[in-house]
Amino acid sequence: MAITLDATSRTDLGRGASRRLRRAEQIPAIIIGQGKDAVSVTLNEKKLIAAALKDEFYQAVTLNVDGQAINVKPVDIQRHPVSERILHIDFARV
């Protein structure tokens, strides 16, 4: 069963922007790989957590970024050291 998540591209980058996103229950992420430019995106925190609980999430995920489907695989997940809340996630194109 494939996992599909909706993502929104973002142009507001940096520490302050990421903190504002997290307060709004959004998770900053980046899509890298295959010789293409990196794409910064945001994901809904609750939907991401629900997807991350499934084993299929770590094999392949489809991200719908502004109407474009991108097949990715999570490479790195940064978590808060105490609460273990997801702070940032890196995806690699497959």
PDB file of N, CA and C in Angstrom:
ATOM      1  N   MET A   1       0.849  -1.177   0.000  1.00  0.00           N
ATOM      2  CA  MET A   1       0.000   0.000   0.000  1.00  0.00           C
ATOM      3  C   MET A   1       0.888   1.231   0.000  1.00  0.00           C
ATOM      4  N   ALA A   2       0.739   2.058  -0.980  1.00  0.00           N
ATOM      5  CA  ALA A   2       1.580   3.245  -1.121  1.00  0.00           C
ATOM      6  C   ALA A   2       1.079   4.366  -0.217  1.00  0.00           C
ATOM      7  N   ILE A   3       2.008   5.112   0.297  1.00  0.00           N
ATOM      8  CA  ILE A   3       1.676   6.254   1.151  1.00  0.00           C
ATOM      9  C   ILE A   3       1.821   7.514   0.323  1.00  0.00           C
ATOM     10  N   THR A   4       0.780   8.339   0.344  1.00  0.00           N
ATOM     11  CA  THR A   4       0.785   9.602  -0.389  1.00  0.00           C
ATOM     12  C   THR A   4       0.513  10.730   0.589  1.00  0.00           C
ATOM     13  N   LEU A   5       1.357  11.757   0.556  1.00  0.00           N
ATOM     14  CA  LEU A   5       1.199  12.921   1.422  1.00  0.00           C
ATOM     15  C   LEU A   5       1.148  14.182   0.574  1.00  0.00           C
ATOM     16  N   ASP A   6       0.344  15.127   1.001  1.00  0.00           N
ATOM     17  CA  ASP A   6       0.292  16.422   0.342  1.00  0.00           C
ATOM     18  C   ASP A   6       1.331  17.344   0.949  1.00  0.00           C
ATOM     19  N   ALA A   7       2.067  18.030   0.105  1.00  0.00           N
ATOM     20  CA  ALA A   7       3.107  18.953   0.554  1.00  0.00           C
ATOM     21  C   ALA A   7       2.940  20.273  -0.183  1.00  0.00           C
ATOM     22  N   THR A   8       3.435  21.328   0.448  1.00  0.00           N
ATOM     23  CA  THR A   8       3.391  22.654  -0.151  1.00  0.00           C
ATOM     24  C   THR A   8       4.812  23.174  -0.237  1.00  0.00           C
ATOM     25  N   SER A   9       5.197  23.705  -1.390  1.00  0.00           N
ATOM     26  CA  SER A   9       6.545  24.259  -1.504  1.00  0.00           C
ATOM     27  C   SER A   9       6.612  25.549  -0.694  1.00  0.00           C
ATOM     28  N   ARG A  10       7.814  25.866  -0.214  1.00  0.00           N
ATOM     29  CA  ARG A  10       7.971  27.065   0.610  1.00  0.00           C
ATOM     30  C   ARG A  10       9.190  27.850   0.143  1.00  0.00           C
ATOM     31  N   THR A  11       9.091  29.160   0.296  1.00  0.00           N
ATOM     32  CA  THR A  11      10.204  30.038  -0.063  1.00  0.00           C
ATOM     33  C   THR A  11      10.786  30.715   1.160  1.00  0.00           C
ATOM     34  N   ASP A  12      10.020  30.756   2.242  1.00  0.00           N
ATOM     35  CA  ASP A  12      10.479  31.378   3.484  1.00  0.00           C
ATOM     36  C   ASP A  12      11.349  30.363   4.223  1.00  0.00           C
ATOM     37  N   LEU A  13      12.661  30.565   4.197  1.00  0.00           N
ATOM     38  CA  LEU A  13      13.598  29.598   4.775  1.00  0.00           C
ATOM     39  C   LEU A  13      14.250  30.169   6.021  1.00  0.00           C
ATOM     40  N   GLY A  14      14.905  29.320   6.786  1.00  0.00           N
ATOM     41  CA  GLY A  14      15.649  29.757   7.953  1.00  0.00           C
ATOM     42  C   GLY A  14      15.034  29.251   9.252  1.00  0.00           C
ATOM     43  N   ARG A  15      15.736  29.533  10.341  1.00  0.00           N
ATOM     44  CA  ARG A  15      15.340  29.057  11.657  1.00  0.00           C
ATOM     45  C   ARG A  15      13.999  29.642  12.096  1.00  0.00           C
ATOM     46  N   GLY A  16      13.834  30.946  11.925  1.00  0.00           N
ATOM     47  CA  GLY A  16      12.595  31.600  12.344  1.00  0.00           C
ATOM     48  C   GLY A  16      11.396  31.098  11.567  1.00  0.00           C
ATOM     49  N   ALA A  17      11.560  30.924  10.276  1.00  0.00           N
ATOM     50  CA  ALA A  17      10.470  30.424   9.441  1.00  0.00           C
ATOM     51  C   ALA A  17      10.088  28.998   9.844  1.00  0.00           C
ATOM     52  N   SER A  18      11.084  28.173  10.137  1.00  0.00           N
ATOM     53  CA  SER A  18      10.818  26.796  10.548  1.00  0.00           C
ATOM     54  C   SER A  18      10.088  26.759  11.883  1.00  0.00           C
ATOM     55  N   ARG A  19      10.461  27.637  12.788  1.00  0.00           N
ATOM     56  CA  ARG A  19       9.775  27.696  14.087  1.00  0.00           C
ATOM     57  C   ARG A  19       8.318  28.119  13.917  1.00  0.00           C
ATOM     58  N   ARG A  20       8.071  29.087  13.033  1.00  0.00           N
ATOM     59  CA  ARG A  20       6.693  29.515  12.784  1.00  0.00           C
ATOM     60  C   ARG A  20       5.876  28.370  12.197  1.00  0.00           C
ATOM     61  N   LEU A  21       6.478  27.587  11.308  1.00  0.00           N
ATOM     62  CA  LEU A  21       5.779  26.441  10.723  1.00  0.00           C
ATOM     63  C   LEU A  21       5.433  25.413  11.795  1.00  0.00           C
ATOM     64  N   ARG A  22       6.379  25.117  12.671  1.00  0.00           N
ATOM     65  CA  ARG A  22       6.132  24.108  13.708  1.00  0.00           C
ATOM     66  C   ARG A  22       5.024  24.540  14.657  1.00  0.00           C
ATOM     67  N   ARG A  23       4.970  25.848  14.970  1.00  0.00           N
ATOM     68  CA  ARG A  23       3.889  26.347  15.821  1.00  0.00           C
ATOM     69  C   ARG A  23       2.529  26.198  15.137  1.00  0.00           C
ATOM     70  N   ALA A  24       2.525  26.228  13.815  1.00  0.00           N
ATOM     71  CA  ALA A  24       1.292  26.075  13.035  1.00  0.00           C
ATOM     72  C   ALA A  24       1.025  24.610  12.684  1.00  0.00           C
ATOM     73  N   GLU A  25       1.687  23.689  13.372  1.00  0.00           N
ATOM     74  CA  GLU A  25       1.546  22.238  13.174  1.00  0.00           C
ATOM     75  C   GLU A  25       1.909  21.805  11.757  1.00  0.00           C
ATOM     76  N   GLN A  26       2.969  22.407  11.224  1.00  0.00           N
ATOM     77  CA  GLN A  26       3.525  22.037   9.929  1.00  0.00           C
ATOM     78  C   GLN A  26       4.977  21.609  10.153  1.00  0.00           C
ATOM     79  N   ILE A  27       5.448  20.680   9.355  1.00  0.00           N
ATOM     80  CA  ILE A  27       6.820  20.189   9.466  1.00  0.00           C
ATOM     81  C   ILE A  27       7.603  20.617   8.236  1.00  0.00           C
ATOM     82  N   PRO A  28       8.732  21.321   8.427  1.00  0.00           N
ATOM     83  CA  PRO A  28       9.571  21.656   7.277  1.00  0.00           C
ATOM     84  C   PRO A  28      10.316  20.410   6.789  1.00  0.00           C
ATOM     85  N   ALA A  29      10.476  20.327   5.466  1.00  0.00           N
ATOM     86  CA  ALA A  29      11.169  19.186   4.873  1.00  0.00           C
ATOM     87  C   ALA A  29      11.881  19.651   3.613  1.00  0.00           C
ATOM     88  N   ILE A  30      12.762  18.784   3.109  1.00  0.00           N
ATOM     89  CA  ILE A  30      13.484  19.095   1.880  1.00  0.00           C
ATOM     90  C   ILE A  30      13.543  17.834   1.025  1.00  0.00           C
ATOM     91  N   ILE A  31      13.456  18.035  -0.293  1.00  0.00           N
ATOM     92  CA  ILE A  31      13.562  16.933  -1.245  1.00  0.00           C
ATOM     93  C   ILE A  31      14.849  17.145  -2.034  1.00  0.00           C
ATOM     94  N   ILE A  32      15.743  16.133  -1.998  1.00  0.00           N
ATOM     95  CA  ILE A  32      17.043  16.239  -2.656  1.00  0.00           C
ATOM     96  C   ILE A  32      17.247  15.041  -3.574  1.00  0.00           C
ATOM     97  N   GLY A  33      18.290  15.108  -4.394  1.00  0.00           N
ATOM     98  CA  GLY A  33      18.715  13.945  -5.154  1.00  0.00           C
ATOM     99  C   GLY A  33      18.445  14.008  -6.640  1.00  0.00           C
ATOM    100  N   GLN A  34      19.002  13.029  -7.345  1.00  0.00           N
ATOM    101  CA  GLN A  34      18.896  12.816  -8.786  1.00  0.00           C
ATOM    102  C   GLN A  34      19.394  14.007  -9.595  1.00  0.00           C
ATOM    103  N   GLY A  35      20.339  14.750  -9.086  1.00  0.00           N
ATOM    104  CA  GLY A  35      20.926  15.852  -9.825  1.00  0.00           C
ATOM    105  C   GLY A  35      20.004  17.039 -10.040  1.00  0.00           C
ATOM    106  N   LYS A  36      18.895  17.077  -9.363  1.00  0.00           N
ATOM    107  CA  LYS A  36      17.951  18.187  -9.492  1.00  0.00           C
ATOM    108  C   LYS A  36      18.121  19.129  -8.301  1.00  0.00           C
ATOM    109  N   ASP A  37      17.592  20.338  -8.444  1.00  0.00           N
ATOM    110  CA  ASP A  37      17.664  21.303  -7.351  1.00  0.00           C
ATOM    111  C   ASP A  37      16.848  20.815  -6.160  1.00  0.00           C
ATOM    112  N   ALA A  38      17.314  21.183  -4.960  1.00  0.00           N
ATOM    113  CA  ALA A  38      16.594  20.850  -3.737  1.00  0.00           C
ATOM    114  C   ALA A  38      15.295  21.653  -3.681  1.00  0.00           C
ATOM    115  N   VAL A  39      14.251  21.015  -3.172  1.00  0.00           N
ATOM    116  CA  VAL A  39      12.947  21.651  -3.051  1.00  0.00           C
ATOM    117  C   VAL A  39      12.561  21.658  -1.578  1.00  0.00           C
ATOM    118  N   SER A  40      12.323  22.842  -1.012  1.00  0.00           N
ATOM    119  CA  SER A  40      11.877  22.958   0.372  1.00  0.00           C
ATOM    120  C   SER A  40      10.360  22.894   0.407  1.00  0.00           C
ATOM    121  N   VAL A  41       9.835  22.045   1.290  1.00  0.00           N
ATOM    122  CA  VAL A  41       8.388  21.848   1.377  1.00  0.00           C
ATOM    123  C   VAL A  41       7.942  21.835   2.836  1.00  0.00           C
ATOM    124  N   THR A  42       6.636  21.905   3.036  1.00  0.00           N
ATOM    125  CA  THR A  42       6.051  21.728   4.359  1.00  0.00           C
ATOM    126  C   THR A  42       5.023  20.612   4.296  1.00  0.00           C
ATOM    127  N   LEU A  43       4.906  19.884   5.386  1.00  0.00           N
ATOM    128  CA  LEU A  43       3.962  18.776   5.487  1.00  0.00           C
ATOM    129  C   LEU A  43       3.097  18.971   6.726  1.00  0.00           C
ATOM    130  N   ASN A  44       1.879  18.462   6.680  1.00  0.00           N
ATOM    131  CA  ASN A  44       1.003  18.504   7.840  1.00  0.00           C
ATOM    132  C   ASN A  44       1.548  17.554   8.903  1.00  0.00           C
ATOM    133  N   GLU A  45       1.727  18.055  10.120  1.00  0.00           N
ATOM    134  CA  GLU A  45       2.367  17.267  11.173  1.00  0.00           C
ATOM    135  C   GLU A  45       1.565  16.016  11.520  1.00  0.00           C
ATOM    136  N   LYS A  46       0.265  16.135  11.677  1.00  0.00           N
ATOM    137  CA  LYS A  46      -0.545  14.987  12.094  1.00  0.00           C
ATOM    138  C   LYS A  46      -0.560  13.893  11.027  1.00  0.00           C
ATOM    139  N   LYS A  47      -0.661  14.273   9.767  1.00  0.00           N
ATOM    140  CA  LYS A  47      -0.659  13.285   8.686  1.00  0.00           C
ATOM    141  C   LYS A  47       0.711  12.632   8.546  1.00  0.00           C
ATOM    142  N   LEU A  48       1.777  13.405   8.767  1.00  0.00           N
ATOM    143  CA  LEU A  48       3.131  12.856   8.693  1.00  0.00           C
ATOM    144  C   LEU A  48       3.367  11.846   9.814  1.00  0.00           C
ATOM    145  N   ILE A  49       2.927  12.167  11.013  1.00  0.00           N
ATOM    146  CA  ILE A  49       3.100  11.248  12.144  1.00  0.00           C
ATOM    147  C   ILE A  49       2.340   9.952  11.889  1.00  0.00           C
ATOM    148  N   ALA A  50       1.115  10.058  11.389  1.00  0.00           N
ATOM    149  CA  ALA A  50       0.324   8.854  11.098  1.00  0.00           C
ATOM    150  C   ALA A  50       1.006   7.997  10.040  1.00  0.00           C
ATOM    151  N   ALA A  51       1.586   8.634   9.032  1.00  0.00           N
ATOM    152  CA  ALA A  51       2.278   7.890   7.978  1.00  0.00           C
ATOM    153  C   ALA A  51       3.577   7.280   8.499  1.00  0.00           C
ATOM    154  N   ALA A  52       4.297   8.008   9.366  1.00  0.00           N
ATOM    155  CA  ALA A  52       5.586   7.527   9.868  1.00  0.00           C
ATOM    156  C   ALA A  52       5.443   6.316  10.783  1.00  0.00           C
ATOM    157  N   LEU A  53       4.254   6.063  11.278  1.00  0.00           N
ATOM    158  CA  LEU A  53       4.023   4.886  12.120  1.00  0.00           C
ATOM    159  C   LEU A  53       3.921   3.601  11.306  1.00  0.00           C
ATOM    160  N   LYS A  54       3.755   3.736  10.000  1.00  0.00           N
ATOM    161  CA  LYS A  54       3.639   2.565   9.121  1.00  0.00           C
ATOM    162  C   LYS A  54       5.009   2.191   8.563  1.00  0.00           C
ATOM    163  N   ASP A  55       5.246   0.906   8.397  1.00  0.00           N
ATOM    164  CA  ASP A  55       6.527   0.421   7.875  1.00  0.00           C
ATOM    165  C   ASP A  55       6.758   0.851   6.431  1.00  0.00           C
ATOM    166  N   GLU A  56       5.686   0.974   5.651  1.00  0.00           N
ATOM    167  CA  GLU A  56       5.811   1.346   4.244  1.00  0.00           C
ATOM    168  C   GLU A  56       6.401   2.739   4.059  1.00  0.00           C
ATOM    169  N   PHE A  57       6.279   3.588   5.065  1.00  0.00           N
ATOM    170  CA  PHE A  57       6.772   4.968   4.981  1.00  0.00           C
ATOM    171  C   PHE A  57       8.276   4.996   4.709  1.00  0.00           C
ATOM    172  N   TYR A  58       9.000   4.035   5.244  1.00  0.00           N
ATOM    173  CA  TYR A  58      10.456   4.037   5.138  1.00  0.00           C
ATOM    174  C   TYR A  58      10.968   3.385   3.853  1.00  0.00           C
ATOM    175  N   GLN A  59      10.065   2.835   3.030  1.00  0.00           N
ATOM    176  CA  GLN A  59      10.463   2.298   1.730  1.00  0.00           C
ATOM    177  C   GLN A  59      10.208   3.304   0.612  1.00  0.00           C
ATOM    178  N   ALA A  60       8.997   3.824   0.527  1.00  0.00           N
ATOM    179  CA  ALA A  60       8.668   4.761  -0.545  1.00  0.00           C
ATOM    180  C   ALA A  60       7.439   5.580  -0.169  1.00  0.00           C
ATOM    181  N   VAL A  61       7.490   6.840  -0.530  1.00  0.00           N
ATOM    182  CA  VAL A  61       6.399   7.773  -0.272  1.00  0.00           C
ATOM    183  C   VAL A  61       6.198   8.600  -1.538  1.00  0.00           C
ATOM    184  N   THR A  62       4.968   8.946  -1.828  1.00  0.00           N
ATOM    185  CA  THR A  62       4.682   9.862  -2.922  1.00  0.00           C
ATOM    186  C   THR A  62       4.255  11.185  -2.321  1.00  0.00           C
ATOM    187  N   LEU A  63       4.976  12.243  -2.666  1.00  0.00           N
ATOM    188  CA  LEU A  63       4.633  13.579  -2.197  1.00  0.00           C
ATOM    189  C   LEU A  63       3.977  14.349  -3.340  1.00  0.00           C
ATOM    190  N   ASN A  64       2.800  14.886  -3.081  1.00  0.00           N
ATOM    191  CA  ASN A  64       2.126  15.750  -4.047  1.00  0.00           C
ATOM    192  C   ASN A  64       2.518  17.180  -3.719  1.00  0.00           C
ATOM    193  N   VAL A  65       3.473  17.710  -4.470  1.00  0.00           N
ATOM    194  CA  VAL A  65       3.978  19.061  -4.240  1.00  0.00           C
ATOM    195  C   VAL A  65       3.371  19.986  -5.280  1.00  0.00           C
ATOM    196  N   ASP A  66       2.415  20.773  -4.864  1.00  0.00           N
ATOM    197  CA  ASP A  66       1.750  21.730  -5.747  1.00  0.00           C
ATOM    198  C   ASP A  66       1.269  21.078  -7.039  1.00  0.00           C
ATOM    199  N   GLY A  67       0.647  19.913  -6.911  1.00  0.00           N
ATOM    200  CA  GLY A  67       0.092  19.229  -8.073  1.00  0.00           C
ATOM    201  C   GLY A  67       1.038  18.291  -8.802  1.00  0.00           C
ATOM    202  N   GLN A  68       2.292  18.236  -8.390  1.00  0.00           N
ATOM    203  CA  GLN A  68       3.276  17.366  -9.032  1.00  0.00           C
ATOM    204  C   GLN A  68       3.609  16.212  -8.090  1.00  0.00           C
ATOM    205  N   ALA A  69       3.485  14.986  -8.558  1.00  0.00           N
ATOM    206  CA  ALA A  69       3.782  13.804  -7.753  1.00  0.00           C
ATOM    207  C   ALA A  69       5.273  13.496  -7.825  1.00  0.00           C
ATOM    208  N   ILE A  70       5.913  13.387  -6.668  1.00  0.00           N
ATOM    209  CA  ILE A  70       7.341  13.076  -6.587  1.00  0.00           C
ATOM    210  C   ILE A  70       7.508  11.841  -5.699  1.00  0.00           C
ATOM    211  N   ASN A  71       8.148  10.807  -6.232  1.00  0.00           N
ATOM    212  CA  ASN A  71       8.426   9.601  -5.456  1.00  0.00           C
ATOM    213  C   ASN A  71       9.708   9.811  -4.669  1.00  0.00           C
ATOM    214  N   VAL A  72       9.616   9.622  -3.357  1.00  0.00           N
ATOM    215  CA  VAL A  72      10.751   9.881  -2.484  1.00  0.00           C
ATOM    216  C   VAL A  72      10.866   8.782  -1.433  1.00  0.00           C
ATOM    217  N   LYS A  73      11.987   8.838  -0.732  1.00  0.00           N
ATOM    218  CA  LYS A  73      12.259   7.938   0.386  1.00  0.00           C
ATOM    219  C   LYS A  73      12.839   8.788   1.511  1.00  0.00           C
ATOM    220  N   PRO A  74      12.363   8.647   2.753  1.00  0.00           N
ATOM    221  CA  PRO A  74      12.939   9.433   3.846  1.00  0.00           C
ATOM    222  C   PRO A  74      14.376   8.992   4.129  1.00  0.00           C
ATOM    223  N   VAL A  75      15.272   9.977   4.221  1.00  0.00           N
ATOM    224  CA  VAL A  75      16.682   9.695   4.439  1.00  0.00           C
ATOM    225  C   VAL A  75      17.081  10.040   5.870  1.00  0.00           C
ATOM    226  N   ASP A  76      16.600  11.175   6.365  1.00  0.00           N
ATOM    227  CA  ASP A  76      16.979  11.633   7.696  1.00  0.00           C
ATOM    228  C   ASP A  76      15.778  12.288   8.359  1.00  0.00           C
ATOM    229  N   ILE A  77      15.512  11.888   9.588  1.00  0.00           N
ATOM    230  CA  ILE A  77      14.438  12.499  10.368  1.00  0.00           C
ATOM    231  C   ILE A  77      15.061  13.085  11.627  1.00  0.00           C
ATOM    232  N   GLN A  78      14.933  14.402  11.780  1.00  0.00           N
ATOM    233  CA  GLN A  78      15.454  15.065  12.970  1.00  0.00           C
ATOM    234  C   GLN A  78      14.327  15.187  13.982  1.00  0.00           C
ATOM    235  N   ARG A  79      14.610  14.778  15.216  1.00  0.00           N
ATOM    236  CA  ARG A  79      13.604  14.804  16.275  1.00  0.00           C
ATOM    237  C   ARG A  79      14.085  15.650  17.447  1.00  0.00           C
ATOM    238  N   HIS A  80      13.125  16.163  18.209  1.00  0.00           N
ATOM    239  CA  HIS A  80      13.443  16.906  19.426  1.00  0.00           C
ATOM    240  C   HIS A  80      14.030  15.916  20.424  1.00  0.00           C
ATOM    241  N   PRO A  81      15.100  16.286  21.147  1.00  0.00           N
ATOM    242  CA  PRO A  81      15.771  15.326  22.024  1.00  0.00           C
ATOM    243  C   PRO A  81      14.933  14.850  23.215  1.00  0.00           C
ATOM    244  N   VAL A  82      13.981  15.642  23.663  1.00  0.00           N
ATOM    245  CA  VAL A  82      13.187  15.253  24.820  1.00  0.00           C
ATOM    246  C   VAL A  82      11.813  14.735  24.413  1.00  0.00           C
ATOM    247  N   SER A  83      11.081  15.502  23.621  1.00  0.00           N
ATOM    248  CA  SER A  83       9.710  15.127  23.266  1.00  0.00           C
ATOM    249  C   SER A  83       9.644  14.161  22.087  1.00  0.00           C
ATOM    250  N   GLU A  84      10.728  14.010  21.335  1.00  0.00           N
ATOM    251  CA  GLU A  84      10.818  13.164  20.152  1.00  0.00           C
ATOM    252  C   GLU A  84       9.862  13.601  19.045  1.00  0.00           C
ATOM    253  N   ARG A  85       9.438  14.850  19.091  1.00  0.00           N
ATOM    254  CA  ARG A  85       8.599  15.416  18.027  1.00  0.00           C
ATOM    255  C   ARG A  85       9.461  15.581  16.775  1.00  0.00           C
ATOM    256  N   ILE A  86       8.894  15.325  15.608  1.00  0.00           N
ATOM    257  CA  ILE A  86       9.641  15.481  14.365  1.00  0.00           C
ATOM    258  C   ILE A  86       9.864  16.968  14.109  1.00  0.00           C
ATOM    259  N   LEU A  87      11.125  17.352  13.920  1.00  0.00           N
ATOM    260  CA  LEU A  87      11.477  18.746  13.680  1.00  0.00           C
ATOM    261  C   LEU A  87      11.715  19.027  12.200  1.00  0.00           C
ATOM    262  N   HIS A  88      12.293  18.060  11.494  1.00  0.00           N
ATOM    263  CA  HIS A  88      12.637  18.255  10.085  1.00  0.00           C
ATOM    264  C   HIS A  88      12.845  16.886   9.467  1.00  0.00           C
ATOM    265  N   ILE A  89      12.557  16.782   8.187  1.00  0.00           N
ATOM    266  CA  ILE A  89      12.761  15.508   7.508  1.00  0.00           C
ATOM    267  C   ILE A  89      13.371  15.746   6.136  1.00  0.00           C
ATOM    268  N   ASP A  90      14.341  14.913   5.769  1.00  0.00           N
ATOM    269  CA  ASP A  90      14.975  14.978   4.462  1.00  0.00           C
ATOM    270  C   ASP A  90      14.489  13.797   3.629  1.00  0.00           C
ATOM    271  N   PHE A  91      14.057  14.079   2.409  1.00  0.00           N
ATOM    272  CA  PHE A  91      13.633  13.052   1.474  1.00  0.00           C
ATOM    273  C   PHE A  91      14.583  13.012   0.303  1.00  0.00           C
ATOM    274  N   ALA A  92      14.848  11.820  -0.227  1.00  0.00           N
ATOM    275  CA  ALA A  92      15.646  11.658  -1.435  1.00  0.00           C
ATOM    276  C   ALA A  92      14.744  11.135  -2.543  1.00  0.00           C
ATOM    277  N   ARG A  93      14.899  11.711  -3.719  1.00  0.00           N
ATOM    278  CA  ARG A  93      14.110  11.242  -4.870  1.00  0.00           C
ATOM    279  C   ARG A  93      14.489   9.804  -5.201  1.00  0.00           C
ATOM    280  N   VAL A  94      13.504   9.037  -5.593  1.00  0.00           N
ATOM    281  CA  VAL A  94      13.734   7.638  -5.952  1.00  0.00           C
ATOM    282  C   VAL A  94      13.606   7.485  -7.450  1.00  0.00           C
TER     283      VAL A  94
END
